[in-house]
N, C-alpha and C. Protein backbone atom coordinates (compact mmCIF):
# COMPACT_ATOMS: atom_id res chain seq x y z
N MET A 1 121.82 104.25 84.73
CA MET A 1 121.48 104.64 86.08
C MET A 1 120.50 105.81 86.03
N ILE A 2 119.53 105.78 86.89
CA ILE A 2 118.53 106.85 86.95
C ILE A 2 119.13 108.03 87.70
N ASP A 3 118.95 109.23 87.12
CA ASP A 3 119.47 110.39 87.84
C ASP A 3 118.59 110.72 89.05
N LEU A 4 119.13 111.46 89.96
CA LEU A 4 118.49 111.72 91.25
C LEU A 4 117.18 112.49 91.09
N GLY A 5 117.13 113.42 90.16
CA GLY A 5 115.91 114.21 89.96
C GLY A 5 114.73 113.35 89.52
N ARG A 6 114.97 112.43 88.60
CA ARG A 6 113.90 111.53 88.15
C ARG A 6 113.48 110.56 89.25
N LEU A 7 114.42 110.09 90.03
CA LEU A 7 114.10 109.19 91.13
C LEU A 7 113.24 109.89 92.17
N ILE A 8 113.56 111.12 92.49
CA ILE A 8 112.77 111.88 93.46
C ILE A 8 111.37 112.14 92.90
N ALA A 9 111.27 112.49 91.64
CA ALA A 9 109.97 112.73 91.03
C ALA A 9 109.13 111.45 91.02
N PHE A 10 109.77 110.32 90.70
CA PHE A 10 109.06 109.05 90.70
C PHE A 10 108.55 108.70 92.09
N CYS A 11 109.40 108.88 93.10
CA CYS A 11 108.99 108.57 94.48
C CYS A 11 107.87 109.49 94.94
N ALA A 12 107.93 110.76 94.56
CA ALA A 12 106.88 111.70 94.95
C ALA A 12 105.55 111.33 94.30
N MET A 13 105.55 110.99 93.03
CA MET A 13 104.31 110.61 92.35
C MET A 13 103.78 109.28 92.87
N SER A 14 104.66 108.35 93.20
CA SER A 14 104.22 107.07 93.76
C SER A 14 103.55 107.29 95.11
N LEU A 15 104.11 108.15 95.93
CA LEU A 15 103.52 108.47 97.22
C LEU A 15 102.17 109.14 97.05
N LEU A 16 102.08 110.06 96.11
CA LEU A 16 100.82 110.76 95.88
C LEU A 16 99.73 109.81 95.39
N LEU A 17 100.08 108.93 94.46
CA LEU A 17 99.09 107.99 93.94
C LEU A 17 98.65 106.96 94.97
N SER A 18 99.52 106.59 95.87
CA SER A 18 99.12 105.63 96.90
C SER A 18 98.34 106.30 98.02
N ALA A 19 98.48 107.60 98.19
CA ALA A 19 97.76 108.31 99.25
C ALA A 19 96.34 108.69 98.84
N VAL A 20 96.10 108.83 97.55
CA VAL A 20 94.78 109.22 97.06
C VAL A 20 93.91 107.96 96.98
N PRO A 21 92.74 107.99 97.62
CA PRO A 21 91.89 106.80 97.57
C PRO A 21 91.30 106.60 96.17
N GLY A 22 91.20 105.37 95.79
CA GLY A 22 90.63 105.05 94.49
C GLY A 22 89.13 104.82 94.59
N LEU A 23 88.55 104.40 93.50
CA LEU A 23 87.11 104.18 93.46
C LEU A 23 86.67 103.05 94.37
N SER A 24 87.51 102.05 94.52
CA SER A 24 87.16 100.94 95.41
C SER A 24 87.07 101.39 96.86
N VAL A 25 88.00 102.24 97.27
CA VAL A 25 87.98 102.75 98.64
C VAL A 25 86.76 103.64 98.85
N LEU A 26 86.49 104.50 97.89
CA LEU A 26 85.31 105.37 98.01
C LEU A 26 84.02 104.56 98.03
N PHE A 27 83.96 103.48 97.26
CA PHE A 27 82.79 102.61 97.25
C PHE A 27 82.59 101.96 98.62
N ALA A 28 83.67 101.43 99.19
CA ALA A 28 83.56 100.76 100.50
C ALA A 28 83.18 101.75 101.59
N VAL A 29 83.77 102.94 101.57
CA VAL A 29 83.43 103.96 102.57
C VAL A 29 81.98 104.40 102.40
N GLY A 30 81.56 104.58 101.19
CA GLY A 30 80.16 104.98 100.94
C GLY A 30 79.17 103.93 101.41
N ARG A 31 79.47 102.68 101.15
CA ARG A 31 78.59 101.60 101.62
C ARG A 31 78.57 101.52 103.14
N ALA A 32 79.73 101.73 103.77
CA ALA A 32 79.79 101.70 105.23
C ALA A 32 78.99 102.84 105.83
N LEU A 33 79.08 104.01 105.22
CA LEU A 33 78.32 105.15 105.74
C LEU A 33 76.82 104.98 105.52
N ALA A 34 76.46 104.39 104.39
CA ALA A 34 75.04 104.24 104.07
C ALA A 34 74.40 103.06 104.79
N LEU A 35 75.13 101.95 104.92
CA LEU A 35 74.52 100.71 105.42
C LEU A 35 75.09 100.22 106.75
N GLY A 36 76.15 100.85 107.22
CA GLY A 36 76.71 100.43 108.50
C GLY A 36 78.01 99.65 108.33
N ARG A 37 78.60 99.34 109.49
CA ARG A 37 79.93 98.71 109.50
C ARG A 37 79.92 97.30 108.95
N ARG A 38 78.82 96.60 109.04
CA ARG A 38 78.79 95.21 108.53
C ARG A 38 78.78 95.15 107.01
N ALA A 39 78.30 96.19 106.36
CA ALA A 39 78.23 96.18 104.90
C ALA A 39 79.59 96.44 104.26
N ALA A 40 80.48 97.12 104.96
CA ALA A 40 81.78 97.47 104.36
C ALA A 40 82.62 96.24 104.01
N PRO A 41 82.81 95.28 104.91
CA PRO A 41 83.60 94.10 104.52
C PRO A 41 82.96 93.30 103.38
N ALA A 42 81.64 93.23 103.38
CA ALA A 42 80.96 92.53 102.29
C ALA A 42 81.18 93.26 100.97
N SER A 43 81.17 94.58 101.00
CA SER A 43 81.41 95.37 99.80
C SER A 43 82.84 95.19 99.30
N VAL A 44 83.79 95.19 100.23
CA VAL A 44 85.19 94.99 99.84
C VAL A 44 85.38 93.60 99.24
N PHE A 45 84.79 92.59 99.86
CA PHE A 45 84.91 91.23 99.35
C PHE A 45 84.27 91.11 97.96
N GLY A 46 83.09 91.68 97.79
CA GLY A 46 82.43 91.63 96.48
C GLY A 46 83.21 92.36 95.41
N ASN A 47 83.78 93.49 95.77
CA ASN A 47 84.58 94.25 94.82
C ASN A 47 85.84 93.48 94.44
N ALA A 48 86.49 92.86 95.41
CA ALA A 48 87.69 92.06 95.12
C ALA A 48 87.34 90.84 94.28
N LEU A 49 86.23 90.20 94.59
CA LEU A 49 85.81 89.03 93.82
C LEU A 49 85.50 89.41 92.37
N GLY A 50 84.85 90.54 92.17
CA GLY A 50 84.58 91.01 90.81
C GLY A 50 85.85 91.30 90.04
N GLY A 51 86.82 91.91 90.70
CA GLY A 51 88.11 92.16 90.05
C GLY A 51 88.83 90.88 89.71
N PHE A 52 88.75 89.90 90.61
CA PHE A 52 89.38 88.61 90.37
C PHE A 52 88.76 87.92 89.15
N VAL A 53 87.44 87.96 89.05
CA VAL A 53 86.76 87.35 87.90
C VAL A 53 87.19 88.04 86.61
N LEU A 54 87.30 89.36 86.63
CA LEU A 54 87.74 90.07 85.43
C LEU A 54 89.17 89.71 85.04
N ILE A 55 90.05 89.61 86.03
CA ILE A 55 91.44 89.27 85.75
C ILE A 55 91.55 87.86 85.18
N VAL A 56 90.82 86.92 85.75
CA VAL A 56 90.85 85.55 85.24
C VAL A 56 90.30 85.51 83.82
N GLY A 57 89.23 86.25 83.56
CA GLY A 57 88.67 86.30 82.21
C GLY A 57 89.66 86.85 81.19
N VAL A 58 90.34 87.91 81.56
CA VAL A 58 91.34 88.48 80.65
C VAL A 58 92.49 87.52 80.45
N ALA A 59 92.92 86.85 81.52
CA ALA A 59 94.03 85.91 81.41
C ALA A 59 93.67 84.73 80.51
N LEU A 60 92.41 84.34 80.51
CA LEU A 60 91.96 83.24 79.66
C LEU A 60 91.63 83.67 78.24
N GLY A 61 91.67 84.96 77.99
CA GLY A 61 91.40 85.46 76.64
C GLY A 61 89.94 85.67 76.34
N VAL A 62 89.10 85.70 77.35
CA VAL A 62 87.68 85.92 77.14
C VAL A 62 87.46 87.42 76.96
N GLY A 63 86.76 87.78 75.95
CA GLY A 63 86.48 89.19 75.71
C GLY A 63 85.21 89.34 74.91
N TRP A 64 84.76 90.57 74.80
CA TRP A 64 83.54 90.85 74.04
C TRP A 64 83.87 90.80 72.57
N LYS A 65 83.11 90.03 71.81
CA LYS A 65 83.38 89.86 70.38
C LYS A 65 82.39 90.67 69.53
N GLY A 66 82.06 91.86 70.00
CA GLY A 66 81.13 92.72 69.27
C GLY A 66 81.80 93.43 68.11
N PRO A 67 81.06 94.32 67.45
CA PRO A 67 81.64 95.04 66.33
C PRO A 67 82.77 95.95 66.79
N SER A 68 83.81 95.99 66.02
CA SER A 68 84.98 96.77 66.36
C SER A 68 84.79 98.22 65.93
N LEU A 69 85.33 99.13 66.71
CA LEU A 69 85.28 100.54 66.35
C LEU A 69 86.23 100.85 65.20
N TYR A 70 87.22 100.00 65.00
CA TYR A 70 88.25 100.27 64.02
C TYR A 70 88.10 99.47 62.75
N SER A 71 87.02 98.71 62.62
CA SER A 71 86.84 97.93 61.39
C SER A 71 86.37 98.84 60.27
N THR A 72 86.67 98.45 59.06
CA THR A 72 86.29 99.27 57.91
C THR A 72 85.17 98.62 57.14
């Protein structure tokens, strides 16, 4: 069982992390401010689509096969 102190700390950090905007939110707000309200949904959709493509690629095992930093 999780003790009460750790549960409170976990809930506090979860709340803090969900309240702080990430790079995607800052990107969408920046595009909306620079290009207007019509550009924001397009930016959000493009950002989500790019993330989806990356997730599918990782799930399929596609990766960069370049030289490894750890090879000898």
